[in-house]
Amino acid sequence: MTSRQHTQSRIDSLMESITNTAIGFVVSLVTWFFVARAYGIQMTWFTNISITMIFTVVSIIRQYVLRRLFDGRSPWQWLKQRVA
């Protein structure tokens, strides 16, 4: 049995992060609409979108960095290489 290592290019990692985060962005906007109403929080759509965009950019960067760190390796292999 042969082991085939599956790796992504940097652009593929970035595109995956952006796609995943874009879906999360839409889910977050819809969720926030219902949560804000349930708790009586008053916020304009512009403010909601602005705040969500800040967290979206942070999320894209976080996902991309983690994907690049662990691409093709388990987190434990990566940590062993750094500690040794």
Protein backbone atom coordinates (compact mmCIF):
# COMPACT_ATOMS: atom_id res chain seq x y z
CA MET A 1 0.00 0.00 0.00
CA THR A 2 1.49 3.33 -1.03
CA SER A 3 0.93 6.58 0.76
CA ARG A 4 0.08 9.51 -1.47
CA GLN A 5 0.69 12.91 0.02
CA HIS A 6 -1.94 15.41 -0.99
CA THR A 7 -0.77 19.01 -0.90
CA GLN A 8 -2.29 22.24 -2.05
CA SER A 9 -0.59 25.09 -3.79
CA ARG A 10 -0.55 28.41 -1.98
CA ILE A 11 -3.19 29.84 -4.28
CA ASP A 12 -5.41 26.77 -3.71
CA SER A 13 -5.04 27.26 0.05
CA LEU A 14 -5.97 30.91 -0.29
CA MET A 15 -8.97 30.16 -2.51
CA GLU A 16 -10.21 27.50 -0.08
CA SER A 17 -9.89 29.96 2.81
CA ILE A 18 -11.73 32.70 0.93
CA THR A 19 -14.55 30.37 -0.16
CA ASN A 20 -14.98 28.94 3.33
CA THR A 21 -14.93 32.39 4.88
CA ALA A 22 -17.36 33.85 2.31
CA ILE A 23 -19.88 31.17 3.23
CA GLY A 24 -19.23 31.91 6.90
CA PHE A 25 -19.73 35.63 6.23
CA VAL A 26 -23.23 35.07 4.83
CA VAL A 27 -24.13 32.68 7.65
CA SER A 28 -22.83 35.23 10.18
CA LEU A 29 -24.90 38.09 8.73
CA VAL A 30 -28.09 36.04 8.78
CA THR A 31 -27.37 34.67 12.26
CA TRP A 32 -26.56 38.12 13.63
CA PHE A 33 -29.86 39.46 12.28
CA PHE A 34 -31.81 36.97 14.40
CA VAL A 35 -29.52 37.14 17.45
CA ALA A 36 -29.62 40.95 17.53
CA ARG A 37 -33.43 40.93 17.36
CA ALA A 38 -33.66 38.27 20.08
CA TYR A 39 -31.50 40.39 22.43
CA GLY A 40 -32.95 43.76 21.43
CA ILE A 41 -29.66 45.06 20.03
CA GLN A 42 -30.06 47.98 17.64
CA MET A 43 -27.50 48.08 14.82
CA THR A 44 -27.63 49.30 11.23
CA TRP A 45 -26.86 46.91 8.38
CA PHE A 46 -23.84 49.03 7.48
CA THR A 47 -22.39 48.67 10.99
CA ASN A 48 -23.17 44.94 11.02
CA ILE A 49 -21.47 44.42 7.66
CA SER A 50 -18.46 46.56 8.68
CA ILE A 51 -17.84 44.60 11.88
CA THR A 52 -18.38 41.27 10.12
CA MET A 53 -15.87 42.29 7.40
CA ILE A 54 -13.16 42.91 10.02
CA PHE A 55 -13.65 39.43 11.45
CA THR A 56 -13.81 37.99 7.92
CA VAL A 57 -10.39 39.38 6.98
CA VAL A 58 -8.92 38.03 10.22
CA SER A 59 -10.50 34.64 9.51
CA ILE A 60 -9.06 34.45 5.98
CA ILE A 61 -5.57 35.23 7.27
CA ARG A 62 -5.91 32.70 10.11
CA GLN A 63 -7.13 29.92 7.82
CA TYR A 64 -4.46 30.57 5.22
CA VAL A 65 -1.61 30.56 7.74
CA LEU A 66 -2.82 27.38 9.43
CA ARG A 67 -3.32 25.63 6.09
CA ARG A 68 0.20 26.51 4.99
CA LEU A 69 1.69 25.40 8.32
CA PHE A 70 -0.01 22.03 8.28
CA ASP A 71 -0.20 21.34 4.54
CA GLY A 72 0.70 17.73 3.93
CA ARG A 73 1.63 17.09 7.56
CA SER A 74 -0.22 16.37 10.73
CA PRO A 75 0.06 19.04 13.42
CA TRP A 76 2.04 16.58 15.57
CA GLN A 77 4.65 16.04 12.86
CA TRP A 78 5.00 19.79 12.46
CA LEU A 79 5.42 20.29 16.22
CA LYS A 80 7.99 17.47 16.49
CA GLN A 81 10.08 19.08 13.74
CA ARG A 82 10.00 22.46 15.52
CA VAL A 83 10.87 21.04 18.95
CA ALA A 84 13.61 18.65 17.82
